[in-house]
């Protein structure tokens, strides 16, 4: 370090000390400035992206995996099976259309219970044979 640099450092240290700024207050000021900058950058990124959609999609995927794993584990424990495959799928379109017509005709609400009642009433084998 040159003599000029040493002298400049002493002057700056004295000026900071006169204002009541030491290493600790300087650290706090730097941390506060960094926090502000990081928060501002995060807000810009959040405003530019569809965070709600991303979070919703991630939660949907995670919850589906967790539920599938839990169901598989419980079925294995109960049935003492070595393997089971669970596929989540939508109802067959022709069956679902008949179910909706049945709900309108009978005045039943569209629920899992009424869907099971529909399948029992119509006969599952008959429904899937028609296709």
C-alpha atoms as a PDB file:
ATOM      1  CA  UNK A   1       0.000   0.000   0.000  1.00  0.00           C
ATOM      2  CA  UNK A   2       1.357   3.402  -0.918  1.00  0.00           C
ATOM      3  CA  UNK A   3       1.684   6.344   1.462  1.00  0.00           C
ATOM      4  CA  UNK A   4      -1.169   8.122  -0.337  1.00  0.00           C
ATOM      5  CA  UNK A   5      -3.457   5.098   0.074  1.00  0.00           C
ATOM      6  CA  UNK A   6      -2.616   4.845   3.769  1.00  0.00           C
ATOM      7  CA  UNK A   7      -3.302   8.543   4.269  1.00  0.00           C
ATOM      8  CA  UNK A   8      -6.591   8.335   2.351  1.00  0.00           C
ATOM      9  CA  UNK A   9      -7.625   5.343   4.460  1.00  0.00           C
ATOM     10  CA  UNK A  10      -6.923   7.276   7.673  1.00  0.00           C
ATOM     11  CA  UNK A  11      -8.947  10.263   6.447  1.00  0.00           C
ATOM     12  CA  UNK A  12     -11.904   8.062   5.452  1.00  0.00           C
ATOM     13  CA  UNK A  13     -11.776   6.178   8.766  1.00  0.00           C
ATOM     14  CA  UNK A  14     -11.795   9.488  10.664  1.00  0.00           C
ATOM     15  CA  UNK A  15     -14.719  10.818   8.589  1.00  0.00           C
ATOM     16  CA  UNK A  16     -16.732   7.655   9.225  1.00  0.00           C
ATOM     17  CA  UNK A  17     -15.883   7.747  12.952  1.00  0.00           C
ATOM     18  CA  UNK A  18     -17.015  11.391  13.137  1.00  0.00           C
ATOM     19  CA  UNK A  19     -20.414  10.301  11.759  1.00  0.00           C
ATOM     20  CA  UNK A  20     -20.641   7.399  14.239  1.00  0.00           C
ATOM     21  CA  UNK A  21     -20.114   4.729  11.620  1.00  0.00           C
ATOM     22  CA  UNK A  22     -17.956   1.790  12.608  1.00  0.00           C
ATOM     23  CA  UNK A  23     -17.487  -1.680  11.145  1.00  0.00           C
ATOM     24  CA  UNK A  24     -20.666  -3.042  12.724  1.00  0.00           C
ATOM     25  CA  UNK A  25     -22.908  -0.209  11.549  1.00  0.00           C
ATOM     26  CA  UNK A  26     -21.300  -0.404   8.123  1.00  0.00           C
ATOM     27  CA  UNK A  27     -22.069  -4.160   7.954  1.00  0.00           C
ATOM     28  CA  UNK A  28     -25.678  -3.482   8.916  1.00  0.00           C
ATOM     29  CA  UNK A  29     -25.977  -0.783   6.240  1.00  0.00           C
ATOM     30  CA  UNK A  30     -24.513  -3.095   3.582  1.00  0.00           C
ATOM     31  CA  UNK A  31     -26.814  -5.959   4.632  1.00  0.00           C
ATOM     32  CA  UNK A  32     -29.827  -3.657   4.484  1.00  0.00           C
ATOM     33  CA  UNK A  33     -28.867  -2.453   0.998  1.00  0.00           C
ATOM     34  CA  UNK A  34     -28.316  -6.035  -0.193  1.00  0.00           C
ATOM     35  CA  UNK A  35     -31.653  -7.168   1.261  1.00  0.00           C
ATOM     36  CA  UNK A  36     -33.392  -4.333  -0.563  1.00  0.00           C
ATOM     37  CA  UNK A  37     -31.702  -5.167  -3.884  1.00  0.00           C
ATOM     38  CA  UNK A  38     -32.437  -8.902  -3.588  1.00  0.00           C
ATOM     39  CA  UNK A  39     -36.070  -8.261  -2.652  1.00  0.00           C
ATOM     40  CA  UNK A  40     -36.450  -5.906  -5.601  1.00  0.00           C
ATOM     41  CA  UNK A  41     -34.916  -8.467  -7.997  1.00  0.00           C
ATOM     42  CA  UNK A  42     -37.208 -11.222  -6.696  1.00  0.00           C
ATOM     43  CA  UNK A  43     -40.268  -8.998  -7.118  1.00  0.00           C
ATOM     44  CA  UNK A  44     -39.262  -8.250 -10.725  1.00  0.00           C
ATOM     45  CA  UNK A  45     -38.903 -11.978 -11.454  1.00  0.00           C
ATOM     46  CA  UNK A  46     -42.236 -12.741  -9.777  1.00  0.00           C
ATOM     47  CA  UNK A  47     -43.991 -10.068 -11.817  1.00  0.00           C
ATOM     48  CA  UNK A  48     -42.504 -11.410 -15.059  1.00  0.00           C
ATOM     49  CA  UNK A  49     -43.541 -15.037 -14.460  1.00  0.00           C
ATOM     50  CA  UNK A  50     -46.837 -16.778 -13.802  1.00  0.00           C
ATOM     51  CA  UNK A  51     -45.838 -17.862 -10.305  1.00  0.00           C
ATOM     52  CA  UNK A  52     -49.373 -18.905  -9.304  1.00  0.00           C
ATOM     53  CA  UNK A  53     -49.561 -21.293 -12.258  1.00  0.00           C
ATOM     54  CA  UNK A  54     -46.092 -22.671 -11.628  1.00  0.00           C
ATOM     55  CA  UNK A  55     -46.773 -23.228  -7.915  1.00  0.00           C
ATOM     56  CA  UNK A  56     -50.178 -24.758  -8.628  1.00  0.00           C
ATOM     57  CA  UNK A  57     -48.683 -27.155 -11.194  1.00  0.00           C
ATOM     58  CA  UNK A  58     -45.884 -28.187  -8.857  1.00  0.00           C
ATOM     59  CA  UNK A  59     -48.294 -28.736  -5.957  1.00  0.00           C
ATOM     60  CA  UNK A  60     -50.575 -30.800  -8.188  1.00  0.00           C
ATOM     61  CA  UNK A  61     -47.693 -33.018  -9.337  1.00  0.00           C
ATOM     62  CA  UNK A  62     -46.268 -33.423  -5.845  1.00  0.00           C
ATOM     63  CA  UNK A  63     -49.626 -34.165  -4.231  1.00  0.00           C
ATOM     64  CA  UNK A  64     -50.454 -36.738  -6.953  1.00  0.00           C
ATOM     65  CA  UNK A  65     -47.129 -38.542  -6.367  1.00  0.00           C
ATOM     66  CA  UNK A  66     -47.536 -38.469  -2.579  1.00  0.00           C
ATOM     67  CA  UNK A  67     -51.117 -39.754  -2.724  1.00  0.00           C
ATOM     68  CA  UNK A  68     -50.213 -42.523  -5.185  1.00  0.00           C
ATOM     69  CA  UNK A  69     -47.296 -43.611  -2.996  1.00  0.00           C
ATOM     70  CA  UNK A  70     -49.445 -43.587   0.137  1.00  0.00           C
ATOM     71  CA  UNK A  71     -52.186 -45.619  -1.550  1.00  0.00           C
ATOM     72  CA  UNK A  72     -49.671 -48.139  -2.877  1.00  0.00           C
ATOM     73  CA  UNK A  73     -48.053 -48.502   0.552  1.00  0.00           C
ATOM     74  CA  UNK A  74     -51.395 -48.979   2.319  1.00  0.00           C
ATOM     75  CA  UNK A  75     -52.657 -51.486  -0.252  1.00  0.00           C
ATOM     76  CA  UNK A  76     -49.437 -53.465   0.044  1.00  0.00           C
ATOM     77  CA  UNK A  77     -49.767 -53.522   3.817  1.00  0.00           C
ATOM     78  CA  UNK A  78     -53.419 -54.556   3.736  1.00  0.00           C
ATOM     79  CA  UNK A  79     -53.277 -57.061   0.899  1.00  0.00           C
ATOM     80  CA  UNK A  80     -49.667 -58.124   1.388  1.00  0.00           C
ATOM     81  CA  UNK A  81     -49.054 -57.588  -2.336  1.00  0.00           C
ATOM     82  CA  UNK A  82     -45.645 -57.253  -3.860  1.00  0.00           C
ATOM     83  CA  UNK A  83     -46.661 -54.808  -6.583  1.00  0.00           C
ATOM     84  CA  UNK A  84     -49.628 -52.768  -7.716  1.00  0.00           C
ATOM     85  CA  UNK A  85     -50.080 -50.217 -10.464  1.00  0.00           C
ATOM     86  CA  UNK A  86     -52.463 -47.291 -10.095  1.00  0.00           C
ATOM     87  CA  UNK A  87     -53.440 -45.283 -13.138  1.00  0.00           C
ATOM     88  CA  UNK A  88     -55.408 -42.078 -12.713  1.00  0.00           C
ATOM     89  CA  UNK A  89     -57.680 -41.521 -15.689  1.00  0.00           C
ATOM     90  CA  UNK A  90     -60.825 -39.699 -16.680  1.00  0.00           C
ATOM     91  CA  UNK A  91     -64.055 -41.694 -17.149  1.00  0.00           C
ATOM     92  CA  UNK A  92     -64.739 -43.053 -20.628  1.00  0.00           C
ATOM     93  CA  UNK A  93     -66.439 -40.285 -22.669  1.00  0.00           C
ATOM     94  CA  UNK A  94     -69.448 -42.410 -23.664  1.00  0.00           C
ATOM     95  CA  UNK A  95     -69.934 -43.560 -20.068  1.00  0.00           C
ATOM     96  CA  UNK A  96     -69.607 -40.047 -18.714  1.00  0.00           C
ATOM     97  CA  UNK A  97     -72.157 -38.762 -21.241  1.00  0.00           C
ATOM     98  CA  UNK A  98     -74.625 -41.460 -20.185  1.00  0.00           C
ATOM     99  CA  UNK A  99     -73.925 -40.633 -16.541  1.00  0.00           C
ATOM    100  CA  UNK A 100     -74.683 -36.936 -17.080  1.00  0.00           C
ATOM    101  CA  UNK A 101     -77.952 -37.837 -18.864  1.00  0.00           C
ATOM    102  CA  UNK A 102     -78.836 -40.196 -16.002  1.00  0.00           C
ATOM    103  CA  UNK A 103     -78.178 -37.408 -13.447  1.00  0.00           C
ATOM    104  CA  UNK A 104     -80.463 -35.024 -15.333  1.00  0.00           C
ATOM    105  CA  UNK A 105     -83.165 -37.668 -15.678  1.00  0.00           C
ATOM    106  CA  UNK A 106     -83.079 -38.773 -12.025  1.00  0.00           C
ATOM    107  CA  UNK A 107     -82.313 -35.383 -10.479  1.00  0.00           C
ATOM    108  CA  UNK A 108     -79.126 -36.655  -8.806  1.00  0.00           C
ATOM    109  CA  UNK A 109     -76.189 -34.322  -8.218  1.00  0.00           C
ATOM    110  CA  UNK A 110     -72.916 -35.032  -9.997  1.00  0.00           C
ATOM    111  CA  UNK A 111     -70.855 -36.634  -7.227  1.00  0.00           C
ATOM    112  CA  UNK A 112     -68.612 -39.629  -6.753  1.00  0.00           C
ATOM    113  CA  UNK A 113     -71.428 -41.350  -4.859  1.00  0.00           C
ATOM    114  CA  UNK A 114     -73.993 -40.803  -7.597  1.00  0.00           C
ATOM    115  CA  UNK A 115     -71.445 -41.999 -10.199  1.00  0.00           C
ATOM    116  CA  UNK A 116     -71.033 -45.245  -8.264  1.00  0.00           C
ATOM    117  CA  UNK A 117     -74.823 -45.539  -7.969  1.00  0.00           C
ATOM    118  CA  UNK A 118     -75.087 -45.016 -11.738  1.00  0.00           C
ATOM    119  CA  UNK A 119     -72.514 -47.734 -12.394  1.00  0.00           C
ATOM    120  CA  UNK A 120     -74.327 -50.122 -10.045  1.00  0.00           C
ATOM    121  CA  UNK A 121     -77.727 -49.302 -11.554  1.00  0.00           C
ATOM    122  CA  UNK A 122     -76.663 -49.555 -15.186  1.00  0.00           C
ATOM    123  CA  UNK A 123     -74.397 -52.552 -14.726  1.00  0.00           C
ATOM    124  CA  UNK A 124     -70.683 -51.955 -15.281  1.00  0.00           C
ATOM    125  CA  UNK A 125     -70.263 -54.863 -17.708  1.00  0.00           C
ATOM    126  CA  UNK A 126     -73.127 -53.601 -19.887  1.00  0.00           C
ATOM    127  CA  UNK A 127     -71.724 -50.053 -20.025  1.00  0.00           C
ATOM    128  CA  UNK A 128     -68.261 -51.062 -21.153  1.00  0.00           C
ATOM    129  CA  UNK A 129     -69.629 -53.662 -23.619  1.00  0.00           C
ATOM    130  CA  UNK A 130     -71.586 -50.970 -25.475  1.00  0.00           C
ATOM    131  CA  UNK A 131     -68.443 -49.243 -26.676  1.00  0.00           C
END
